[in-house]
Amino acid sequence: MELKETIELMQSDDYKDRFKAEYYQVKTRLEKLEAMLDKWDKGELDFTPTCPRMIYDGQVQAMSDYCSALIARAAMEHIVIE
């Protein structure tokens, strides 16, 4: 999913739609960051990252934890996100 595909959900009056958009946005950003780090590991980046790797790794961990929290909350609130 692309971030622009979540615009309609973010503008919904239904909190469940906004919740789905939040989850999809975080998941999309996490997947893109992980893909960037995979390219970094393979020496395939077409730019030089400005932050040390440990900063990116910490960001991945935080985003993964956030996704996990959203998944747990979705289950409890009966929101289908996948």
N, C-alpha and C. Protein backbone atom coordinates (compact mmCIF):
# COMPACT_ATOMS: atom_id res chain seq x y z
N MET A 1 0.84 -1.18 0.00
CA MET A 1 0.00 0.00 0.00
C MET A 1 0.89 1.24 0.00
N GLU A 2 0.47 2.24 -0.74
CA GLU A 2 1.17 3.52 -0.76
C GLU A 2 0.48 4.45 0.23
N LEU A 3 1.25 5.39 0.78
CA LEU A 3 0.69 6.30 1.77
C LEU A 3 -0.51 7.08 1.21
N LYS A 4 -0.43 7.47 -0.05
CA LYS A 4 -1.53 8.25 -0.63
C LYS A 4 -2.85 7.47 -0.66
N GLU A 5 -2.75 6.14 -0.60
CA GLU A 5 -3.95 5.32 -0.60
C GLU A 5 -4.69 5.34 0.74
N THR A 6 -4.08 5.94 1.75
CA THR A 6 -4.70 6.00 3.08
C THR A 6 -5.44 7.32 3.32
N ILE A 7 -5.36 8.24 2.38
CA ILE A 7 -5.95 9.56 2.57
C ILE A 7 -7.44 9.48 2.87
N GLU A 8 -8.16 8.71 2.08
CA GLU A 8 -9.60 8.61 2.27
C GLU A 8 -9.95 8.04 3.65
N LEU A 9 -9.20 7.02 4.06
CA LEU A 9 -9.43 6.44 5.39
C LEU A 9 -9.15 7.46 6.49
N MET A 10 -8.09 8.25 6.33
CA MET A 10 -7.74 9.25 7.35
C MET A 10 -8.82 10.32 7.48
N GLN A 11 -9.55 10.57 6.43
CA GLN A 11 -10.57 11.62 6.46
C GLN A 11 -11.95 11.11 6.87
N SER A 12 -12.04 9.83 7.14
CA SER A 12 -13.32 9.22 7.49
C SER A 12 -13.81 9.72 8.85
N ASP A 13 -15.12 9.72 9.02
CA ASP A 13 -15.71 10.03 10.31
C ASP A 13 -15.68 8.82 11.24
N ASP A 14 -15.42 7.65 10.67
CA ASP A 14 -15.39 6.40 11.43
C ASP A 14 -13.98 6.17 12.00
N TYR A 15 -13.89 6.09 13.32
CA TYR A 15 -12.59 5.93 13.95
C TYR A 15 -11.90 4.64 13.50
N LYS A 16 -12.68 3.63 13.15
CA LYS A 16 -12.07 2.38 12.71
C LYS A 16 -11.33 2.56 11.39
N ASP A 17 -11.88 3.36 10.50
CA ASP A 17 -11.19 3.67 9.25
C ASP A 17 -9.91 4.45 9.52
N ARG A 18 -9.99 5.43 10.41
CA ARG A 18 -8.79 6.21 10.74
C ARG A 18 -7.74 5.33 11.41
N PHE A 19 -8.19 4.40 12.23
CA PHE A 19 -7.28 3.45 12.86
C PHE A 19 -6.57 2.61 11.80
N LYS A 20 -7.33 2.11 10.84
CA LYS A 20 -6.75 1.31 9.75
C LYS A 20 -5.71 2.13 8.99
N ALA A 21 -6.03 3.39 8.71
CA ALA A 21 -5.08 4.25 7.99
C ALA A 21 -3.79 4.41 8.80
N GLU A 22 -3.93 4.60 10.09
CA GLU A 22 -2.75 4.75 10.96
C GLU A 22 -1.88 3.49 10.88
N TYR A 23 -2.52 2.34 10.99
CA TYR A 23 -1.77 1.08 10.91
C TYR A 23 -1.10 0.93 9.55
N TYR A 24 -1.83 1.16 8.47
CA TYR A 24 -1.27 1.00 7.13
C TYR A 24 -0.10 1.95 6.90
N GLN A 25 -0.20 3.17 7.43
CA GLN A 25 0.88 4.14 7.26
C GLN A 25 2.15 3.70 7.99
N VAL A 26 1.98 3.27 9.23
CA VAL A 26 3.15 2.82 9.99
C VAL A 26 3.76 1.58 9.35
N LYS A 27 2.92 0.64 8.96
CA LYS A 27 3.41 -0.59 8.33
C LYS A 27 4.15 -0.28 7.03
N THR A 28 3.60 0.61 6.22
CA THR A 28 4.24 0.98 4.96
C THR A 28 5.59 1.64 5.20
N ARG A 29 5.62 2.56 6.14
CA ARG A 29 6.89 3.24 6.45
C ARG A 29 7.93 2.26 6.99
N LEU A 30 7.48 1.33 7.83
CA LEU A 30 8.38 0.32 8.39
C LEU A 30 8.95 -0.56 7.27
N GLU A 31 8.10 -1.01 6.38
CA GLU A 31 8.56 -1.86 5.28
C GLU A 31 9.56 -1.12 4.39
N LYS A 32 9.33 0.16 4.14
CA LYS A 32 10.25 0.94 3.31
C LYS A 32 11.59 1.15 4.01
N LEU A 33 11.54 1.39 5.31
CA LEU A 33 12.78 1.55 6.07
C LEU A 33 13.56 0.25 6.09
N GLU A 34 12.87 -0.86 6.30
CA GLU A 34 13.54 -2.17 6.30
C GLU A 34 14.15 -2.47 4.94
N ALA A 35 13.48 -2.09 3.86
CA ALA A 35 14.01 -2.29 2.52
C ALA A 35 15.27 -1.45 2.31
N MET A 36 15.25 -0.22 2.82
CA MET A 36 16.43 0.64 2.72
C MET A 36 17.61 0.03 3.47
N LEU A 37 17.34 -0.49 4.67
CA LEU A 37 18.42 -1.09 5.46
C LEU A 37 18.94 -2.36 4.81
N ASP A 38 18.07 -3.10 4.17
CA ASP A 38 18.50 -4.29 3.44
C ASP A 38 19.45 -3.90 2.31
N LYS A 39 19.11 -2.85 1.59
CA LYS A 39 20.00 -2.36 0.52
C LYS A 39 21.31 -1.86 1.10
N TRP A 40 21.24 -1.22 2.25
CA TRP A 40 22.46 -0.73 2.91
C TRP A 40 23.37 -1.92 3.22
N ASP A 41 22.78 -2.98 3.79
CA ASP A 41 23.56 -4.17 4.12
C ASP A 41 24.21 -4.80 2.90
N LYS A 42 23.55 -4.70 1.76
CA LYS A 42 24.07 -5.29 0.52
C LYS A 42 24.97 -4.33 -0.25
N GLY A 43 25.16 -3.12 0.27
CA GLY A 43 25.98 -2.13 -0.41
C GLY A 43 25.32 -1.60 -1.68
N GLU A 44 23.99 -1.57 -1.70
CA GLU A 44 23.26 -1.18 -2.91
C GLU A 44 22.58 0.19 -2.80
N LEU A 45 22.86 0.94 -1.74
CA LEU A 45 22.23 2.26 -1.60
C LEU A 45 22.85 3.23 -2.61
N ASP A 46 22.02 4.14 -3.11
CA ASP A 46 22.52 5.14 -4.04
C ASP A 46 22.74 6.48 -3.33
N PHE A 47 22.84 6.41 -1.99
CA PHE A 47 23.13 7.60 -1.19
C PHE A 47 23.85 7.15 0.08
N THR A 48 24.42 8.11 0.79
CA THR A 48 25.08 7.80 2.04
C THR A 48 24.18 8.26 3.19
N PRO A 49 23.73 7.33 4.03
CA PRO A 49 22.87 7.70 5.15
C PRO A 49 23.57 8.71 6.07
N THR A 50 22.80 9.63 6.61
CA THR A 50 23.38 10.66 7.47
C THR A 50 23.44 10.25 8.94
N CYS A 51 22.64 9.28 9.33
CA CYS A 51 22.61 8.82 10.72
C CYS A 51 23.37 7.51 10.86
N PRO A 52 23.90 7.24 12.05
CA PRO A 52 24.52 5.94 12.29
C PRO A 52 23.47 4.84 12.20
N ARG A 53 23.90 3.65 11.86
CA ARG A 53 22.99 2.51 11.68
C ARG A 53 22.17 2.25 12.93
N MET A 54 22.75 2.43 14.11
CA MET A 54 22.03 2.13 15.34
C MET A 54 20.79 3.01 15.50
N ILE A 55 20.80 4.21 14.94
CA ILE A 55 19.62 5.08 14.99
C ILE A 55 18.50 4.46 14.17
N TYR A 56 18.83 4.01 12.95
CA TYR A 56 17.83 3.37 12.10
C TYR A 56 17.31 2.07 12.72
N ASP A 57 18.22 1.31 13.32
CA ASP A 57 17.80 0.06 13.97
C ASP A 57 16.84 0.34 15.12
N GLY A 58 17.11 1.39 15.89
CA GLY A 58 16.21 1.78 16.97
C GLY A 58 14.85 2.21 16.44
N GLN A 59 14.87 2.91 15.31
CA GLN A 59 13.61 3.34 14.70
C GLN A 59 12.80 2.14 14.25
N VAL A 60 13.47 1.15 13.64
CA VAL A 60 12.78 -0.07 13.20
C VAL A 60 12.15 -0.77 14.40
N GLN A 61 12.89 -0.84 15.50
CA GLN A 61 12.36 -1.50 16.70
C GLN A 61 11.14 -0.77 17.23
N ALA A 62 11.22 0.55 17.31
CA ALA A 62 10.10 1.34 17.81
C ALA A 62 8.88 1.20 16.90
N MET A 63 9.10 1.23 15.61
CA MET A 63 7.99 1.10 14.67
C MET A 63 7.39 -0.30 14.72
N SER A 64 8.22 -1.31 14.89
CA SER A 64 7.74 -2.69 15.02
C SER A 64 6.89 -2.83 16.28
N ASP A 65 7.36 -2.25 17.37
CA ASP A 65 6.60 -2.29 18.62
C ASP A 65 5.26 -1.58 18.46
N TYR A 66 5.27 -0.45 17.78
CA TYR A 66 4.05 0.31 17.54
C TYR A 66 3.07 -0.50 16.70
N CYS A 67 3.56 -1.15 15.65
CA CYS A 67 2.70 -2.02 14.83
C CYS A 67 2.10 -3.13 15.67
N SER A 68 2.91 -3.73 16.52
CA SER A 68 2.42 -4.80 17.38
C SER A 68 1.31 -4.31 18.31
N ALA A 69 1.49 -3.11 18.85
CA ALA A 69 0.46 -2.54 19.72
C ALA A 69 -0.83 -2.28 18.94
N LEU A 70 -0.70 -1.78 17.73
CA LEU A 70 -1.88 -1.53 16.91
C LEU A 70 -2.59 -2.83 16.54
N ILE A 71 -1.83 -3.88 16.26
CA ILE A 71 -2.42 -5.18 15.93
C ILE A 71 -3.19 -5.72 17.15
N ALA A 72 -2.59 -5.62 18.32
CA ALA A 72 -3.26 -6.09 19.54
C ALA A 72 -4.53 -5.30 19.80
N ARG A 73 -4.43 -3.99 19.65
CA ARG A 73 -5.61 -3.14 19.87
C ARG A 73 -6.70 -3.45 18.85
N ALA A 74 -6.31 -3.66 17.60
CA ALA A 74 -7.29 -3.97 16.55
C ALA A 74 -8.06 -5.25 16.91
N ALA A 75 -7.34 -6.24 17.41
CA ALA A 75 -7.99 -7.49 17.78
C ALA A 75 -9.00 -7.26 18.90
N MET A 76 -8.62 -6.47 19.88
CA MET A 76 -9.51 -6.21 21.02
C MET A 76 -10.72 -5.37 20.62
N GLU A 77 -10.53 -4.50 19.63
CA GLU A 77 -11.61 -3.60 19.21
C GLU A 77 -12.35 -4.14 17.98
N HIS A 78 -12.02 -5.36 17.59
CA HIS A 78 -12.68 -6.01 16.45
C HIS A 78 -12.57 -5.18 15.16
N ILE A 79 -11.35 -4.73 14.90
CA ILE A 79 -11.06 -3.97 13.68
C ILE A 79 -10.21 -4.86 12.78
N VAL A 80 -10.70 -5.14 11.60
CA VAL A 80 -9.98 -6.00 10.67
C VAL A 80 -8.99 -5.12 9.90
N ILE A 81 -7.69 -5.40 10.08
CA ILE A 81 -6.67 -4.58 9.42
C ILE A 81 -5.90 -5.34 8.36
N GLU A 82 -6.00 -6.62 8.32
CA GLU A 82 -5.25 -7.39 7.31
C GLU A 82 -6.21 -8.12 6.41
